[in-house]
Amino acid sequence: MIESLLPVLPALLKHHRVVVASVQDPALGALREQRDSLSDVYSAAAAAHVLQQRRRASEILTALGVDVVDADAERLPPALADHYLTLKARGLL
């Protein structure tokens, strides 16, 4: 996922403000907490792994100078609008 973006980031960041919008899946959090059966434990481990990968990708992108806006599907549009307005108010656009 992030691997395809990394090679082009230096060129993009030279001339552009890069913002990555990431949609959270609330089901992953619920899966991570379920441990009633062996199947649930495996699902919880897989969900925890995916969530850790997302966190790590966000950390890497942020360290490289990319803005990451991460929210669930309902909150993502207003979060992106807020982020845009913040960047504009700070003169970063």
N, C-alpha and C. Protein backbone atom coordinates (compact mmCIF):
# COMPACT_ATOMS: atom_id res chain seq x y z
N MET A 1 0.84 -1.19 0.00
CA MET A 1 0.00 0.00 0.00
C MET A 1 0.88 1.25 0.00
N ILE A 2 1.60 1.49 1.05
CA ILE A 2 2.45 2.68 1.15
C ILE A 2 3.68 2.57 0.23
N GLU A 3 4.09 1.32 -0.05
CA GLU A 3 5.29 1.10 -0.84
C GLU A 3 5.21 1.75 -2.22
N SER A 4 4.02 1.78 -2.81
CA SER A 4 3.88 2.38 -4.15
C SER A 4 3.96 3.90 -4.11
N LEU A 5 3.70 4.49 -2.96
CA LEU A 5 3.74 5.94 -2.82
C LEU A 5 5.14 6.46 -2.50
N LEU A 6 5.91 5.68 -1.78
CA LEU A 6 7.23 6.13 -1.31
C LEU A 6 8.18 6.60 -2.42
N PRO A 7 8.29 5.91 -3.55
CA PRO A 7 9.24 6.37 -4.56
C PRO A 7 8.94 7.74 -5.16
N VAL A 8 7.68 8.13 -5.21
CA VAL A 8 7.32 9.41 -5.83
C VAL A 8 7.20 10.55 -4.83
N LEU A 9 7.22 10.24 -3.55
CA LEU A 9 7.04 11.29 -2.54
C LEU A 9 8.06 12.41 -2.60
N PRO A 10 9.35 12.14 -2.73
CA PRO A 10 10.29 13.26 -2.76
C PRO A 10 9.98 14.28 -3.85
N ALA A 11 9.64 13.81 -5.04
CA ALA A 11 9.31 14.73 -6.13
C ALA A 11 8.02 15.50 -5.84
N LEU A 12 7.03 14.82 -5.30
CA LEU A 12 5.77 15.49 -4.97
C LEU A 12 5.96 16.54 -3.89
N LEU A 13 6.71 16.18 -2.86
CA LEU A 13 6.88 17.08 -1.73
C LEU A 13 7.70 18.32 -2.06
N LYS A 14 8.49 18.27 -3.13
CA LYS A 14 9.26 19.44 -3.53
C LYS A 14 8.36 20.59 -3.96
N HIS A 15 7.25 20.27 -4.57
CA HIS A 15 6.40 21.30 -5.17
C HIS A 15 4.96 21.33 -4.66
N HIS A 16 4.60 20.37 -3.81
CA HIS A 16 3.20 20.27 -3.41
C HIS A 16 3.08 19.95 -1.92
N ARG A 17 1.95 20.32 -1.37
CA ARG A 17 1.57 19.88 -0.03
C ARG A 17 0.83 18.57 -0.22
N VAL A 18 1.30 17.50 0.35
CA VAL A 18 0.68 16.19 0.15
C VAL A 18 -0.15 15.84 1.37
N VAL A 19 -1.40 15.50 1.11
CA VAL A 19 -2.32 15.07 2.16
C VAL A 19 -2.87 13.70 1.76
N VAL A 20 -2.77 12.75 2.66
CA VAL A 20 -3.32 11.42 2.43
C VAL A 20 -4.55 11.26 3.30
N ALA A 21 -5.67 10.93 2.67
CA ALA A 21 -6.91 10.68 3.39
C ALA A 21 -7.04 9.18 3.60
N SER A 22 -7.24 8.77 4.83
CA SER A 22 -7.30 7.36 5.17
C SER A 22 -8.60 7.08 5.91
N VAL A 23 -9.36 6.12 5.39
CA VAL A 23 -10.66 5.80 5.99
C VAL A 23 -10.49 4.65 6.97
N GLN A 24 -10.88 4.89 8.21
CA GLN A 24 -10.84 3.86 9.24
C GLN A 24 -12.02 2.92 9.09
N ASP A 25 -11.80 1.67 9.40
CA ASP A 25 -12.88 0.68 9.41
C ASP A 25 -13.20 0.36 10.86
N PRO A 26 -14.34 0.82 11.37
CA PRO A 26 -14.66 0.58 12.78
C PRO A 26 -14.79 -0.90 13.11
N ALA A 27 -15.04 -1.73 12.12
CA ALA A 27 -15.15 -3.16 12.37
C ALA A 27 -13.82 -3.75 12.84
N LEU A 28 -12.70 -3.16 12.42
CA LEU A 28 -11.40 -3.67 12.85
C LEU A 28 -11.22 -3.54 14.36
N GLY A 29 -11.64 -2.42 14.90
CA GLY A 29 -11.55 -2.23 16.35
C GLY A 29 -12.41 -3.24 17.09
N ALA A 30 -13.60 -3.49 16.57
CA ALA A 30 -14.49 -4.47 17.20
C ALA A 30 -13.90 -5.88 17.10
N LEU A 31 -13.35 -6.21 15.93
CA LEU A 31 -12.74 -7.52 15.75
C LEU A 31 -11.56 -7.73 16.70
N ARG A 32 -10.78 -6.67 16.89
CA ARG A 32 -9.60 -6.75 17.73
C ARG A 32 -9.97 -7.10 19.18
N GLU A 33 -11.16 -6.72 19.60
CA GLU A 33 -11.58 -6.94 20.99
C GLU A 33 -12.27 -8.28 21.21
N GLN A 34 -12.73 -8.94 20.17
CA GLN A 34 -13.45 -10.21 20.30
C GLN A 34 -12.50 -11.36 20.58
N ARG A 35 -12.77 -12.12 21.63
CA ARG A 35 -11.92 -13.28 21.94
C ARG A 35 -12.74 -14.41 22.57
N ASP A 36 -13.95 -14.61 22.05
CA ASP A 36 -14.84 -15.62 22.63
C ASP A 36 -14.56 -17.04 22.13
N SER A 37 -13.94 -17.14 20.97
CA SER A 37 -13.65 -18.46 20.40
C SER A 37 -12.26 -18.41 19.75
N LEU A 38 -11.78 -19.56 19.35
CA LEU A 38 -10.49 -19.63 18.68
C LEU A 38 -10.51 -18.81 17.39
N SER A 39 -11.60 -18.90 16.67
CA SER A 39 -11.75 -18.11 15.44
C SER A 39 -11.70 -16.61 15.74
N ASP A 40 -12.33 -16.20 16.82
CA ASP A 40 -12.30 -14.80 17.23
C ASP A 40 -10.87 -14.35 17.56
N VAL A 41 -10.11 -15.23 18.20
CA VAL A 41 -8.73 -14.89 18.56
C VAL A 41 -7.90 -14.66 17.30
N TYR A 42 -8.07 -15.52 16.30
CA TYR A 42 -7.35 -15.33 15.04
C TYR A 42 -7.78 -14.03 14.35
N SER A 43 -9.08 -13.77 14.36
CA SER A 43 -9.59 -12.52 13.77
C SER A 43 -9.05 -11.30 14.52
N ALA A 44 -8.99 -11.41 15.84
CA ALA A 44 -8.46 -10.31 16.65
C ALA A 44 -7.00 -10.06 16.33
N ALA A 45 -6.23 -11.12 16.17
CA ALA A 45 -4.81 -10.98 15.83
C ALA A 45 -4.65 -10.34 14.45
N ALA A 46 -5.46 -10.76 13.49
CA ALA A 46 -5.39 -10.18 12.15
C ALA A 46 -5.77 -8.70 12.17
N ALA A 47 -6.83 -8.37 12.91
CA ALA A 47 -7.26 -6.97 13.01
C ALA A 47 -6.18 -6.13 13.68
N ALA A 48 -5.58 -6.65 14.74
CA ALA A 48 -4.51 -5.91 15.42
C ALA A 48 -3.33 -5.68 14.48
N HIS A 49 -3.03 -6.66 13.66
CA HIS A 49 -1.93 -6.53 12.70
C HIS A 49 -2.23 -5.44 11.67
N VAL A 50 -3.43 -5.44 11.14
CA VAL A 50 -3.82 -4.42 10.15
C VAL A 50 -3.78 -3.03 10.78
N LEU A 51 -4.28 -2.89 12.00
CA LEU A 51 -4.27 -1.59 12.66
C LEU A 51 -2.85 -1.12 12.93
N GLN A 52 -1.95 -2.05 13.29
CA GLN A 52 -0.55 -1.69 13.50
C GLN A 52 0.09 -1.25 12.19
N GLN A 53 -0.21 -1.92 11.09
CA GLN A 53 0.32 -1.52 9.78
C GLN A 53 -0.16 -0.12 9.41
N ARG A 54 -1.42 0.17 9.67
CA ARG A 54 -1.96 1.50 9.37
C ARG A 54 -1.25 2.57 10.20
N ARG A 55 -1.05 2.28 11.49
CA ARG A 55 -0.36 3.23 12.36
C ARG A 55 1.06 3.48 11.86
N ARG A 56 1.74 2.41 11.52
CA ARG A 56 3.13 2.53 11.06
C ARG A 56 3.20 3.30 9.74
N ALA A 57 2.30 3.03 8.83
CA ALA A 57 2.27 3.76 7.55
C ALA A 57 2.04 5.25 7.80
N SER A 58 1.14 5.56 8.70
CA SER A 58 0.87 6.96 9.04
C SER A 58 2.10 7.62 9.64
N GLU A 59 2.80 6.91 10.53
CA GLU A 59 4.02 7.45 11.14
C GLU A 59 5.10 7.72 10.09
N ILE A 60 5.27 6.79 9.17
CA ILE A 60 6.28 6.95 8.12
C ILE A 60 5.94 8.14 7.24
N LEU A 61 4.69 8.23 6.81
CA LEU A 61 4.28 9.34 5.94
C LEU A 61 4.44 10.67 6.65
N THR A 62 4.05 10.73 7.90
CA THR A 62 4.17 11.96 8.68
C THR A 62 5.64 12.36 8.82
N ALA A 63 6.49 11.39 9.09
CA ALA A 63 7.92 11.68 9.22
C ALA A 63 8.52 12.21 7.92
N LEU A 64 7.94 11.81 6.80
CA LEU A 64 8.43 12.28 5.50
C LEU A 64 7.85 13.64 5.09
N GLY A 65 6.91 14.15 5.89
CA GLY A 65 6.34 15.46 5.60
C GLY A 65 4.95 15.44 4.99
N VAL A 66 4.33 14.29 4.99
CA VAL A 66 2.97 14.15 4.45
C VAL A 66 1.98 14.36 5.58
N ASP A 67 0.89 15.08 5.28
CA ASP A 67 -0.20 15.22 6.24
C ASP A 67 -1.13 14.02 6.08
N VAL A 68 -1.43 13.34 7.16
CA VAL A 68 -2.32 12.19 7.12
C VAL A 68 -3.58 12.54 7.91
N VAL A 69 -4.72 12.44 7.24
CA VAL A 69 -6.01 12.65 7.89
C VAL A 69 -6.68 11.29 7.94
N ASP A 70 -6.87 10.77 9.14
CA ASP A 70 -7.38 9.42 9.34
C ASP A 70 -8.66 9.50 10.17
N ALA A 71 -9.76 9.07 9.59
CA ALA A 71 -11.04 9.13 10.29
C ALA A 71 -11.98 8.10 9.68
N ASP A 72 -13.06 7.79 10.39
CA ASP A 72 -14.03 6.87 9.81
C ASP A 72 -14.78 7.56 8.67
N ALA A 73 -15.51 6.79 7.90
CA ALA A 73 -16.15 7.31 6.68
C ALA A 73 -17.06 8.49 6.94
N GLU A 74 -17.72 8.50 8.07
CA GLU A 74 -18.64 9.59 8.39
C GLU A 74 -17.90 10.88 8.75
N ARG A 75 -16.78 10.75 9.44
CA ARG A 75 -16.04 11.93 9.91
C ARG A 75 -14.95 12.40 8.96
N LEU A 76 -14.61 11.60 7.95
CA LEU A 76 -13.51 11.98 7.08
C LEU A 76 -13.77 13.26 6.28
N PRO A 77 -14.92 13.43 5.63
CA PRO A 77 -15.11 14.68 4.87
C PRO A 77 -14.96 15.94 5.71
N PRO A 78 -15.61 16.03 6.89
CA PRO A 78 -15.38 17.25 7.68
C PRO A 78 -13.95 17.36 8.21
N ALA A 79 -13.31 16.23 8.49
CA ALA A 79 -11.92 16.28 8.95
C ALA A 79 -11.01 16.81 7.85
N LEU A 80 -11.26 16.42 6.61
CA LEU A 80 -10.47 16.94 5.49
C LEU A 80 -10.73 18.43 5.29
N ALA A 81 -11.99 18.84 5.39
CA ALA A 81 -12.31 20.26 5.25
C ALA A 81 -11.64 21.07 6.36
N ASP A 82 -11.68 20.58 7.58
CA ASP A 82 -11.02 21.26 8.69
C ASP A 82 -9.51 21.34 8.47
N HIS A 83 -8.94 20.27 7.97
CA HIS A 83 -7.50 20.26 7.72
C HIS A 83 -7.14 21.29 6.65
N TYR A 84 -7.93 21.34 5.60
CA TYR A 84 -7.70 22.32 4.54
C TYR A 84 -7.78 23.74 5.10
N LEU A 85 -8.81 24.01 5.88
CA LEU A 85 -8.98 25.36 6.44
C LEU A 85 -7.83 25.72 7.38
N THR A 86 -7.35 24.75 8.14
CA THR A 86 -6.21 24.99 9.02
C THR A 86 -4.95 25.32 8.20
N LEU A 87 -4.71 24.53 7.17
CA LEU A 87 -3.53 24.80 6.31
C LEU A 87 -3.65 26.19 5.68
N LYS A 88 -4.84 26.52 5.21
CA LYS A 88 -5.04 27.83 4.55
C LYS A 88 -4.84 28.96 5.56
N ALA A 89 -5.37 28.81 6.76
CA ALA A 89 -5.25 29.85 7.79
C ALA A 89 -3.79 30.05 8.21
N ARG A 90 -3.01 28.98 8.16
CA ARG A 90 -1.61 29.05 8.55
C ARG A 90 -0.71 29.46 7.39
N GLY A 91 -1.31 29.73 6.23
CA GLY A 91 -0.54 30.14 5.05
C GLY A 91 0.31 29.04 4.47
N LEU A 92 -0.11 27.82 4.61
CA LEU A 92 0.68 26.69 4.12
C LEU A 92 0.23 26.15 2.77
N LEU A 93 -0.70 26.83 2.15
CA LEU A 93 -1.16 26.41 0.82
C LEU A 93 -0.67 27.36 -0.24
